[in-house]
Amino acid sequence: MTHHERLPDPAPPAHEQVYRALRTRVMHGLVEPGAAFTLRGIAAEFGTSMTPAREAVRRLVAEGALKLSATGRVSTPALSNERIEELAAIRALLEPELASRALPRAHAALTDRMQAINGVIDEMIVKGNASGYVRSNLEFHRTLYLRAQAPAMLSLIENVWLQLGPTMRALYERLERRQATDMHRKIISALRAGDEPGLRLAVRTDATQGLRMLMS
């Protein structure tokens, strides 16, 4: 083998594979708030020993995505109103800033892509696909925020989304169809118009109005 050739990247270790799969499941609302798991069940599902399952769960507990009781019961947190309000406040602070930083790079291809994702969100609502709604909604926001070129800030907000995943699924059940995508259309319009105050307001409202509805 010459020094120019590279071996294929090895598959990630078992605990990393379990971590990524569980993290996606929680963030996309594929599990309800308060849903319970066992380490044995996780290990069996992924065909691993208990050690990778325990390591993956430990990481997700540290990130606030899962809870681990003294008896070893693993569950998704059922967030209190105070916790939902706190996470909504973080979204209200960080997401308008990310959108503002993305605005100078919001070319037509970006807004066209966001419009297409918004159409998918509408489809998911019509189909009654809760996790599809959560996944597409996060894709809409992430597509914009990647243009901010602020990876530390995006990492922080993704951790908030992770903690909110099951709660966002519960929120979906209470949404009326138009509520979900009307504010997204305002975000796209503000991007196309170069309207930073309008963009900040639309993003802040979109990030918080639904969560506040859950607390009512």
Foldseek 3Di string as FASTA:
>chain_A
DDPVDDDPDDDDDLLVVLLVVVLLCLLLQVDAAFDKDALVRSCVVSVHDSVSSVSSQVVCVVLLQWDADPVRIIGGHPDDLVRLVVLLVLQLPQLLVLLLLLLVVCDPVLLVVLVVLLVQLLVCLVVVPLSSNSVSLVVSSVSSSVSSVPVVSVVVNSSSSSSCRNVSSVLSVVDDSCLLRVLVVQLSVCSVVVPSVSNSVSSSCNSRVSSVVVND
